[in-house]
Amino acid sequence: MNDNRRPYRKPMRMSGYDYNTNNRYFLTFCTERRQCILSTIKPGDVFNPAILTLTEIGTIVDSYIKSSENVQGITIDHYVIMPNHVHILLTLIHDETYNGSSRAPTPTNSVIARFISGLKRLINREIGHNIWQRGYYDHIIRNEDDYRNTWLYISNNPAHWAEDQYFQT
């Protein structure tokens, strides 16, 4: 605890890294209290080990992620909408003239922070209330092997839902 009697929060962003840098990023953001409201996952068969079915809210999330392809400088490479969280693998390629808006405070007012903030805000507006936990987790993709492993992790995540760190019944 610090002097203000507030619990210490570990910084979620890499210190000194410019999140406006053109690169690939793996992002994860969760529902409030990790409620399983986005999809359901049921066991499948040998050829399809998990059957992921989007809920009505998950369908809204999916439509906004797909429409994010129109966001200047961001390409959604791969994503999955799990029951209580979303994984997105994206590529950031932008120029210095991009000036999106966000309520995110400086110093997190990067293109990625504005993207996640805007995505959550639009989804919340359509649903009519906040469904998201504050913030998001990120991983900066370091090389092609890291990219490939992250892609496979996203693809295989539904099949490993019961072992997932966010698993809840």
N, C-alpha and C. Protein backbone atom coordinates (compact mmCIF):
# COMPACT_ATOMS: atom_id res chain seq x y z
N MET A 1 0.84 -1.18 0.00
CA MET A 1 0.00 0.00 0.00
C MET A 1 0.88 1.24 0.00
N ASN A 2 0.40 2.28 -0.63
CA ASN A 2 1.15 3.52 -0.60
C ASN A 2 0.58 4.45 0.48
N ASP A 3 1.07 5.67 0.54
CA ASP A 3 0.65 6.60 1.59
C ASP A 3 -0.82 6.96 1.53
N ASN A 4 -1.44 6.89 0.37
CA ASN A 4 -2.85 7.23 0.22
C ASN A 4 -3.78 6.07 0.57
N ARG A 5 -3.21 4.99 1.05
CA ARG A 5 -3.98 3.79 1.43
C ARG A 5 -4.68 3.14 0.24
N ARG A 6 -4.16 3.39 -0.93
CA ARG A 6 -4.68 2.72 -2.12
C ARG A 6 -3.77 1.55 -2.44
N PRO A 7 -4.33 0.46 -2.91
CA PRO A 7 -3.47 -0.67 -3.26
C PRO A 7 -2.57 -0.31 -4.44
N TYR A 8 -1.37 -0.86 -4.43
CA TYR A 8 -0.43 -0.64 -5.52
C TYR A 8 -0.91 -1.40 -6.75
N ARG A 9 -0.93 -0.74 -7.89
CA ARG A 9 -1.30 -1.38 -9.15
C ARG A 9 -0.05 -1.50 -10.00
N LYS A 10 0.27 -2.71 -10.37
CA LYS A 10 1.42 -2.95 -11.24
C LYS A 10 1.15 -2.29 -12.60
N PRO A 11 2.11 -1.52 -13.12
CA PRO A 11 1.90 -0.91 -14.43
C PRO A 11 1.68 -2.00 -15.49
N MET A 12 0.69 -1.77 -16.36
CA MET A 12 0.35 -2.78 -17.36
C MET A 12 1.09 -2.57 -18.67
N ARG A 13 1.67 -1.42 -18.90
CA ARG A 13 2.37 -1.14 -20.13
C ARG A 13 3.87 -1.26 -19.93
N MET A 14 4.58 -1.65 -20.99
CA MET A 14 6.04 -1.76 -20.92
C MET A 14 6.63 -0.36 -20.77
N SER A 15 7.40 -0.19 -19.74
CA SER A 15 8.00 1.10 -19.44
C SER A 15 8.93 1.54 -20.57
N GLY A 16 8.72 2.76 -21.03
CA GLY A 16 9.60 3.33 -22.05
C GLY A 16 9.27 2.93 -23.48
N TYR A 17 8.29 2.05 -23.68
CA TYR A 17 7.96 1.62 -25.04
C TYR A 17 6.93 2.57 -25.63
N ASP A 18 7.10 2.95 -26.89
CA ASP A 18 6.16 3.82 -27.58
C ASP A 18 5.10 2.96 -28.27
N TYR A 19 3.90 2.95 -27.73
CA TYR A 19 2.82 2.14 -28.28
C TYR A 19 2.22 2.73 -29.54
N ASN A 20 2.83 3.75 -30.07
CA ASN A 20 2.47 4.25 -31.39
C ASN A 20 3.38 3.67 -32.46
N THR A 21 4.33 2.82 -32.03
CA THR A 21 5.28 2.21 -32.95
C THR A 21 4.58 1.19 -33.83
N ASN A 22 4.87 1.27 -35.12
CA ASN A 22 4.33 0.28 -36.05
C ASN A 22 4.87 -1.09 -35.66
N ASN A 23 3.97 -2.01 -35.35
CA ASN A 23 4.36 -3.33 -34.89
C ASN A 23 3.11 -4.20 -34.85
N ARG A 24 3.30 -5.43 -34.40
CA ARG A 24 2.19 -6.35 -34.17
C ARG A 24 2.00 -6.48 -32.66
N TYR A 25 0.74 -6.57 -32.24
CA TYR A 25 0.41 -6.62 -30.82
C TYR A 25 -0.64 -7.69 -30.56
N PHE A 26 -0.53 -8.33 -29.42
CA PHE A 26 -1.51 -9.30 -28.94
C PHE A 26 -2.22 -8.64 -27.76
N LEU A 27 -3.52 -8.42 -27.89
CA LEU A 27 -4.30 -7.72 -26.88
C LEU A 27 -5.36 -8.65 -26.29
N THR A 28 -5.61 -8.50 -25.00
CA THR A 28 -6.67 -9.24 -24.32
C THR A 28 -7.42 -8.27 -23.44
N PHE A 29 -8.75 -8.29 -23.54
CA PHE A 29 -9.56 -7.51 -22.61
C PHE A 29 -10.74 -8.35 -22.15
N CYS A 30 -11.13 -8.12 -20.89
CA CYS A 30 -12.08 -9.00 -20.20
C CYS A 30 -13.39 -8.29 -19.89
N THR A 31 -14.43 -9.10 -19.70
CA THR A 31 -15.70 -8.56 -19.24
C THR A 31 -15.61 -8.22 -17.76
N GLU A 32 -16.48 -7.33 -17.33
CA GLU A 32 -16.55 -6.95 -15.92
C GLU A 32 -16.81 -8.19 -15.07
N ARG A 33 -16.03 -8.33 -14.02
CA ARG A 33 -16.09 -9.48 -13.11
C ARG A 33 -16.00 -10.81 -13.86
N ARG A 34 -15.40 -10.75 -15.04
CA ARG A 34 -15.19 -11.93 -15.89
C ARG A 34 -16.47 -12.76 -16.09
N GLN A 35 -17.57 -12.05 -16.28
CA GLN A 35 -18.84 -12.70 -16.55
C GLN A 35 -18.80 -13.39 -17.91
N CYS A 36 -19.29 -14.58 -18.00
CA CYS A 36 -19.31 -15.34 -19.26
C CYS A 36 -20.55 -14.95 -20.06
N ILE A 37 -20.45 -13.82 -20.77
CA ILE A 37 -21.60 -13.27 -21.50
C ILE A 37 -21.36 -13.13 -23.00
N LEU A 38 -20.17 -13.50 -23.46
CA LEU A 38 -19.83 -13.27 -24.87
C LEU A 38 -20.02 -14.49 -25.76
N SER A 39 -19.78 -15.68 -25.21
CA SER A 39 -19.90 -16.90 -26.00
C SER A 39 -20.04 -18.09 -25.07
N THR A 40 -20.35 -19.23 -25.67
CA THR A 40 -20.33 -20.50 -24.94
C THR A 40 -19.41 -21.44 -25.69
N ILE A 41 -18.82 -22.36 -24.96
CA ILE A 41 -17.93 -23.35 -25.58
C ILE A 41 -18.36 -24.73 -25.11
N LYS A 42 -18.59 -25.59 -26.09
CA LYS A 42 -18.96 -26.98 -25.79
C LYS A 42 -17.97 -27.90 -26.47
N PRO A 43 -17.76 -29.07 -25.88
CA PRO A 43 -16.85 -30.03 -26.52
C PRO A 43 -17.35 -30.43 -27.90
N GLY A 44 -16.39 -30.61 -28.79
CA GLY A 44 -16.72 -31.01 -30.15
C GLY A 44 -16.29 -32.44 -30.41
N ASP A 45 -15.64 -32.64 -31.53
CA ASP A 45 -15.17 -33.97 -31.91
C ASP A 45 -13.68 -33.90 -32.29
N VAL A 46 -13.17 -34.96 -32.87
CA VAL A 46 -11.75 -35.03 -33.22
C VAL A 46 -11.36 -33.92 -34.20
N PHE A 47 -12.24 -33.62 -35.14
CA PHE A 47 -11.92 -32.64 -36.17
C PHE A 47 -12.15 -31.20 -35.73
N ASN A 48 -13.04 -31.02 -34.79
CA ASN A 48 -13.36 -29.69 -34.25
C ASN A 48 -13.52 -29.84 -32.74
N PRO A 49 -12.41 -29.76 -31.98
CA PRO A 49 -12.45 -30.10 -30.56
C PRO A 49 -13.31 -29.19 -29.69
N ALA A 50 -13.66 -28.01 -30.17
CA ALA A 50 -14.50 -27.11 -29.39
C ALA A 50 -15.47 -26.40 -30.31
N ILE A 51 -16.70 -26.26 -29.84
CA ILE A 51 -17.72 -25.55 -30.60
C ILE A 51 -18.01 -24.25 -29.85
N LEU A 52 -17.59 -23.14 -30.43
CA LEU A 52 -17.77 -21.83 -29.85
C LEU A 52 -19.00 -21.19 -30.48
N THR A 53 -19.95 -20.78 -29.65
CA THR A 53 -21.17 -20.13 -30.12
C THR A 53 -21.27 -18.76 -29.47
N LEU A 54 -21.37 -17.73 -30.30
CA LEU A 54 -21.48 -16.38 -29.78
C LEU A 54 -22.88 -16.14 -29.21
N THR A 55 -22.93 -15.41 -28.10
CA THR A 55 -24.20 -14.95 -27.55
C THR A 55 -24.63 -13.72 -28.35
N GLU A 56 -25.77 -13.16 -28.00
CA GLU A 56 -26.22 -11.93 -28.65
C GLU A 56 -25.20 -10.81 -28.43
N ILE A 57 -24.68 -10.70 -27.21
CA ILE A 57 -23.66 -9.69 -26.92
C ILE A 57 -22.38 -10.01 -27.69
N GLY A 58 -21.99 -11.27 -27.74
CA GLY A 58 -20.81 -11.67 -28.49
C GLY A 58 -20.92 -11.34 -29.97
N THR A 59 -22.12 -11.45 -30.52
CA THR A 59 -22.35 -11.10 -31.92
C THR A 59 -22.13 -9.61 -32.15
N ILE A 60 -22.56 -8.80 -31.19
CA ILE A 60 -22.33 -7.35 -31.27
C ILE A 60 -20.83 -7.07 -31.23
N VAL A 61 -20.12 -7.71 -30.30
CA VAL A 61 -18.67 -7.55 -30.20
C VAL A 61 -18.01 -7.93 -31.52
N ASP A 62 -18.42 -9.06 -32.08
CA ASP A 62 -17.87 -9.54 -33.34
C ASP A 62 -18.07 -8.51 -34.46
N SER A 63 -19.25 -7.93 -34.54
CA SER A 63 -19.51 -6.97 -35.61
C SER A 63 -18.63 -5.72 -35.47
N TYR A 64 -18.39 -5.28 -34.24
CA TYR A 64 -17.53 -4.11 -34.05
C TYR A 64 -16.06 -4.43 -34.31
N ILE A 65 -15.63 -5.63 -33.97
CA ILE A 65 -14.24 -6.01 -34.29
C ILE A 65 -14.07 -6.06 -35.81
N LYS A 66 -15.04 -6.67 -36.49
CA LYS A 66 -14.95 -6.74 -37.96
C LYS A 66 -14.96 -5.35 -38.59
N SER A 67 -15.77 -4.45 -38.05
CA SER A 67 -15.81 -3.09 -38.60
C SER A 67 -14.55 -2.30 -38.27
N SER A 68 -13.73 -2.81 -37.35
CA SER A 68 -12.48 -2.15 -37.00
C SER A 68 -11.48 -2.20 -38.14
N GLU A 69 -11.74 -3.02 -39.12
CA GLU A 69 -10.85 -3.06 -40.29
C GLU A 69 -10.82 -1.70 -40.98
N ASN A 70 -11.82 -0.87 -40.69
CA ASN A 70 -11.87 0.47 -41.29
C ASN A 70 -11.14 1.51 -40.47
N VAL A 71 -10.59 1.13 -39.32
CA VAL A 71 -9.85 2.07 -38.49
C VAL A 71 -8.49 2.32 -39.13
N GLN A 72 -8.18 3.59 -39.33
CA GLN A 72 -6.94 3.98 -40.00
C GLN A 72 -5.73 3.43 -39.26
N GLY A 73 -4.89 2.70 -39.98
CA GLY A 73 -3.61 2.25 -39.44
C GLY A 73 -3.66 0.96 -38.65
N ILE A 74 -4.83 0.34 -38.50
CA ILE A 74 -4.94 -0.90 -37.72
C ILE A 74 -5.49 -2.00 -38.61
N THR A 75 -4.81 -3.14 -38.58
CA THR A 75 -5.29 -4.33 -39.28
C THR A 75 -5.50 -5.43 -38.25
N ILE A 76 -6.71 -5.96 -38.20
CA ILE A 76 -6.99 -7.08 -37.31
C ILE A 76 -6.54 -8.34 -38.04
N ASP A 77 -5.52 -9.00 -37.51
CA ASP A 77 -4.98 -10.19 -38.15
C ASP A 77 -5.75 -11.45 -37.75
N HIS A 78 -6.14 -11.53 -36.47
CA HIS A 78 -6.79 -12.74 -35.96
C HIS A 78 -7.42 -12.39 -34.62
N TYR A 79 -8.53 -13.02 -34.29
CA TYR A 79 -9.15 -12.78 -32.99
C TYR A 79 -10.06 -13.93 -32.61
N VAL A 80 -10.39 -13.98 -31.33
CA VAL A 80 -11.37 -14.95 -30.83
C VAL A 80 -12.14 -14.28 -29.71
N ILE A 81 -13.43 -14.55 -29.67
CA ILE A 81 -14.30 -14.02 -28.62
C ILE A 81 -14.63 -15.19 -27.69
N MET A 82 -13.95 -15.23 -26.59
CA MET A 82 -14.14 -16.28 -25.59
C MET A 82 -15.34 -15.91 -24.70
N PRO A 83 -15.76 -16.79 -23.79
CA PRO A 83 -16.93 -16.47 -22.97
C PRO A 83 -16.81 -15.18 -22.16
N ASN A 84 -15.60 -14.87 -21.66
CA ASN A 84 -15.48 -13.68 -20.81
C ASN A 84 -14.29 -12.80 -21.18
N HIS A 85 -13.70 -13.02 -22.31
CA HIS A 85 -12.60 -12.17 -22.76
C HIS A 85 -12.44 -12.27 -24.27
N VAL A 86 -11.69 -11.32 -24.79
CA VAL A 86 -11.43 -11.26 -26.23
C VAL A 86 -9.93 -11.19 -26.43
N HIS A 87 -9.42 -11.98 -27.38
CA HIS A 87 -8.02 -11.91 -27.80
C HIS A 87 -8.00 -11.32 -29.21
N ILE A 88 -7.13 -10.35 -29.42
CA ILE A 88 -6.97 -9.76 -30.76
C ILE A 88 -5.48 -9.70 -31.07
N LEU A 89 -5.13 -10.18 -32.24
CA LEU A 89 -3.79 -10.03 -32.79
C LEU A 89 -3.91 -8.98 -33.89
N LEU A 90 -3.20 -7.87 -33.73
CA LEU A 90 -3.34 -6.81 -34.73
C LEU A 90 -1.99 -6.28 -35.16
N THR A 91 -2.01 -5.64 -36.30
CA THR A 91 -0.84 -4.96 -36.83
C THR A 91 -1.14 -3.48 -36.86
N LEU A 92 -0.22 -2.69 -36.34
CA LEU A 92 -0.35 -1.24 -36.32
C LEU A 92 0.60 -0.67 -37.36
N ILE A 93 0.03 -0.01 -38.34
CA ILE A 93 0.82 0.70 -39.36
C ILE A 93 0.10 2.02 -39.57
N HIS A 94 0.63 3.05 -38.97
CA HIS A 94 -0.02 4.36 -39.08
C HIS A 94 1.01 5.43 -39.36
N ASP A 95 0.50 6.58 -39.79
CA ASP A 95 1.41 7.71 -39.98
C ASP A 95 1.19 8.69 -38.83
N GLU A 96 2.01 9.67 -38.75
CA GLU A 96 1.98 10.61 -37.64
C GLU A 96 0.79 11.56 -37.68
N THR A 97 0.01 11.56 -38.78
CA THR A 97 -1.13 12.47 -38.87
C THR A 97 -2.37 11.91 -38.20
N TYR A 98 -2.34 10.63 -37.81
CA TYR A 98 -3.51 10.04 -37.16
C TYR A 98 -3.78 10.75 -35.85
N ASN A 99 -5.03 11.17 -35.65
CA ASN A 99 -5.36 11.89 -34.43
C ASN A 99 -6.74 11.46 -33.96
N GLY A 100 -6.88 10.19 -33.57
CA GLY A 100 -8.14 9.69 -33.05
C GLY A 100 -8.42 10.31 -31.70
N SER A 101 -9.65 10.15 -31.23
CA SER A 101 -9.97 10.71 -29.92
C SER A 101 -10.17 9.59 -28.92
N SER A 102 -9.91 9.90 -27.67
CA SER A 102 -10.07 8.93 -26.60
C SER A 102 -10.20 9.66 -25.30
N ARG A 103 -10.83 9.02 -24.36
CA ARG A 103 -10.86 9.54 -23.00
C ARG A 103 -9.70 8.98 -22.21
N ALA A 104 -8.88 8.16 -22.86
CA ALA A 104 -7.73 7.57 -22.18
C ALA A 104 -6.76 8.67 -21.80
N PRO A 105 -6.28 8.67 -20.58
CA PRO A 105 -5.37 9.73 -20.16
C PRO A 105 -3.99 9.58 -20.78
N THR A 106 -3.29 10.68 -20.94
CA THR A 106 -1.89 10.63 -21.29
C THR A 106 -1.19 9.97 -20.11
N PRO A 107 -0.26 9.14 -20.19
CA PRO A 107 0.60 8.70 -21.28
C PRO A 107 0.09 7.46 -22.01
N THR A 108 -1.09 6.95 -21.68
CA THR A 108 -1.58 5.76 -22.38
C THR A 108 -2.36 6.13 -23.63
N ASN A 109 -2.32 7.37 -24.01
CA ASN A 109 -3.11 7.83 -25.14
C ASN A 109 -2.41 7.49 -26.46
N SER A 110 -2.15 6.20 -26.64
CA SER A 110 -1.53 5.70 -27.87
C SER A 110 -2.63 5.27 -28.83
N VAL A 111 -2.24 4.95 -30.04
CA VAL A 111 -3.19 4.47 -31.03
C VAL A 111 -3.91 3.22 -30.51
N ILE A 112 -3.18 2.32 -29.88
CA ILE A 112 -3.79 1.09 -29.37
C ILE A 112 -4.76 1.39 -28.24
N ALA A 113 -4.38 2.26 -27.31
CA ALA A 113 -5.28 2.63 -26.21
C ALA A 113 -6.55 3.28 -26.76
N ARG A 114 -6.40 4.15 -27.75
CA ARG A 114 -7.58 4.79 -28.36
C ARG A 114 -8.44 3.76 -29.06
N PHE A 115 -7.81 2.79 -29.73
CA PHE A 115 -8.56 1.75 -30.42
C PHE A 115 -9.39 0.93 -29.43
N ILE A 116 -8.76 0.42 -28.37
CA ILE A 116 -9.47 -0.40 -27.38
C ILE A 116 -10.55 0.41 -26.69
N SER A 117 -10.22 1.64 -26.29
CA SER A 117 -11.19 2.51 -25.62
C SER A 117 -12.41 2.76 -26.51
N GLY A 118 -12.15 3.07 -27.77
CA GLY A 118 -13.24 3.32 -28.71
C GLY A 118 -14.08 2.08 -28.96
N LEU A 119 -13.43 0.94 -29.12
CA LEU A 119 -14.15 -0.32 -29.35
C LEU A 119 -15.07 -0.63 -28.17
N LYS A 120 -14.54 -0.55 -26.96
CA LYS A 120 -15.35 -0.82 -25.77
C LYS A 120 -16.51 0.17 -25.66
N ARG A 121 -16.23 1.44 -25.91
CA ARG A 121 -17.26 2.48 -25.79
C ARG A 121 -18.40 2.24 -26.78
N LEU A 122 -18.07 1.90 -28.03
CA LEU A 122 -19.11 1.66 -29.04
C LEU A 122 -19.97 0.44 -28.68
N ILE A 123 -19.31 -0.61 -28.21
CA ILE A 123 -20.03 -1.82 -27.82
C ILE A 123 -20.95 -1.52 -26.63
N ASN A 124 -20.42 -0.83 -25.62
CA ASN A 124 -21.23 -0.47 -24.45
C ASN A 124 -22.43 0.36 -24.84
N ARG A 125 -22.23 1.31 -25.75
CA ARG A 125 -23.33 2.18 -26.19
C ARG A 125 -24.44 1.35 -26.83
N GLU A 126 -24.06 0.40 -27.68
CA GLU A 126 -25.09 -0.42 -28.34
C GLU A 126 -25.81 -1.33 -27.35
N ILE A 127 -25.08 -1.87 -26.39
CA ILE A 127 -25.68 -2.78 -25.41
C ILE A 127 -26.50 -2.00 -24.38
N GLY A 128 -26.06 -0.78 -24.06
CA GLY A 128 -26.80 0.05 -23.12
C GLY A 128 -26.20 0.13 -21.72
N HIS A 129 -25.08 -0.56 -21.49
CA HIS A 129 -24.39 -0.49 -20.20
C HIS A 129 -22.97 -1.02 -20.37
N ASN A 130 -22.13 -0.76 -19.38
CA ASN A 130 -20.74 -1.20 -19.43
C ASN A 130 -20.65 -2.71 -19.18
N ILE A 131 -19.95 -3.40 -20.06
CA ILE A 131 -19.72 -4.84 -19.86
C ILE A 131 -18.24 -5.14 -19.66
N TRP A 132 -17.38 -4.13 -19.71
CA TRP A 132 -15.94 -4.37 -19.73
C TRP A 132 -15.24 -4.05 -18.42
N GLN A 133 -14.26 -4.87 -18.12
CA GLN A 133 -13.32 -4.58 -17.04
C GLN A 133 -12.41 -3.45 -17.52
N ARG A 134 -11.92 -2.66 -16.60
CA ARG A 134 -11.04 -1.55 -16.94
C ARG A 134 -9.73 -2.07 -17.55
N GLY A 135 -9.22 -1.37 -18.55
CA GLY A 135 -7.92 -1.66 -19.12
C GLY A 135 -7.89 -2.85 -20.07
N TYR A 136 -6.69 -3.26 -20.38
CA TYR A 136 -6.46 -4.41 -21.27
C TYR A 136 -5.03 -4.88 -21.04
N TYR A 137 -4.76 -6.07 -21.50
CA TYR A 137 -3.41 -6.63 -21.43
C TYR A 137 -2.82 -6.60 -22.83
N ASP A 138 -1.53 -6.39 -22.92
CA ASP A 138 -0.90 -6.38 -24.23
C ASP A 138 0.40 -7.17 -24.20
N HIS A 139 0.75 -7.65 -25.36
CA HIS A 139 2.05 -8.30 -25.58
C HIS A 139 2.55 -7.78 -26.92
N ILE A 140 3.75 -7.26 -26.93
CA ILE A 140 4.36 -6.78 -28.16
C ILE A 140 4.97 -7.99 -28.87
N ILE A 141 4.55 -8.23 -30.08
CA ILE A 141 5.05 -9.37 -30.85
C ILE A 141 6.49 -9.07 -31.25
N ARG A 142 7.39 -9.98 -30.94
CA ARG A 142 8.82 -9.72 -31.09
C ARG A 142 9.40 -10.21 -32.43
N ASN A 143 8.82 -11.29 -32.99
CA ASN A 143 9.37 -11.85 -34.23
C ASN A 143 8.32 -12.78 -34.86
N GLU A 144 8.68 -13.39 -35.98
CA GLU A 144 7.73 -14.24 -36.70
C GLU A 144 7.31 -15.47 -35.88
N ASP A 145 8.24 -16.07 -35.13
CA ASP A 145 7.88 -17.21 -34.29
C ASP A 145 6.86 -16.80 -33.23
N ASP A 146 7.07 -15.67 -32.61
CA ASP A 146 6.14 -15.14 -31.61
C ASP A 146 4.77 -14.91 -32.25
N TYR A 147 4.75 -14.35 -33.46
CA TYR A 147 3.51 -14.10 -34.18
C TYR A 147 2.78 -15.42 -34.46
N ARG A 148 3.51 -16.40 -34.97
CA ARG A 148 2.94 -17.71 -35.29
C ARG A 148 2.40 -18.40 -34.04
N ASN A 149 3.15 -18.35 -32.95
CA ASN A 149 2.71 -18.96 -31.69
C ASN A 149 1.48 -18.27 -31.13
N THR A 150 1.43 -16.95 -31.26
CA THR A 150 0.26 -16.21 -30.78
C THR A 150 -0.95 -16.53 -31.63
N TRP A 151 -0.77 -16.62 -32.93
CA TRP A 151 -1.87 -17.00 -33.84
C TRP A 151 -2.43 -18.37 -33.44
N LEU A 152 -1.55 -19.33 -33.22
CA LEU A 152 -1.98 -20.67 -32.82
C LEU A 152 -2.67 -20.66 -31.46
N TYR A 153 -2.16 -19.87 -30.52
CA TYR A 153 -2.79 -19.75 -29.21
C TYR A 153 -4.23 -19.27 -29.36
N ILE A 154 -4.43 -18.24 -30.16
CA ILE A 154 -5.78 -17.70 -30.38
C ILE A 154 -6.66 -18.77 -31.03
N SER A 155 -6.15 -19.45 -32.05
CA SER A 155 -6.93 -20.48 -32.74
C SER A 155 -7.32 -21.63 -31.83
N ASN A 156 -6.41 -22.03 -30.94
CA ASN A 156 -6.63 -23.19 -30.08
C ASN A 156 -7.26 -22.85 -28.74
N ASN A 157 -7.42 -21.57 -28.44
CA ASN A 157 -7.92 -21.17 -27.13
C ASN A 157 -9.28 -21.78 -26.79
N PRO A 158 -10.25 -21.81 -27.70
CA PRO A 158 -11.54 -22.43 -27.34
C PRO A 158 -11.40 -23.90 -26.94
N ALA A 159 -10.53 -24.65 -27.59
CA ALA A 159 -10.35 -26.08 -27.26
C ALA A 159 -9.74 -26.27 -25.88
N HIS A 160 -9.08 -25.24 -25.37
CA HIS A 160 -8.42 -25.32 -24.06
C HIS A 160 -9.10 -24.44 -23.02
N TRP A 161 -10.37 -24.14 -23.23
CA TRP A 161 -11.11 -23.25 -22.36
C TRP A 161 -11.07 -23.70 -20.90
N ALA A 162 -11.22 -24.97 -20.63
CA ALA A 162 -11.24 -25.46 -19.25
C ALA A 162 -9.91 -25.22 -18.53
N GLU A 163 -8.82 -25.09 -19.28
CA GLU A 163 -7.51 -24.82 -18.67
C GLU A 163 -7.14 -23.33 -18.72
N ASP A 164 -8.00 -22.52 -19.31
CA ASP A 164 -7.72 -21.09 -19.50
C ASP A 164 -7.66 -20.37 -18.16
N GLN A 165 -6.76 -19.39 -18.03
CA GLN A 165 -6.64 -18.63 -16.80
C GLN A 165 -7.90 -17.83 -16.48
N TYR A 166 -8.73 -17.56 -17.48
CA TYR A 166 -9.97 -16.81 -17.28
C TYR A 166 -11.19 -17.72 -17.15
N PHE A 167 -10.98 -19.03 -17.13
CA PHE A 167 -12.08 -19.99 -17.09
C PHE A 167 -12.98 -19.77 -15.89
N GLN A 168 -14.27 -19.73 -16.15
CA GLN A 168 -15.31 -19.72 -15.12
C GLN A 168 -16.49 -20.50 -15.67
N THR A 169 -17.22 -21.09 -14.77
CA THR A 169 -18.42 -21.83 -15.22
C THR A 169 -19.65 -21.00 -15.02
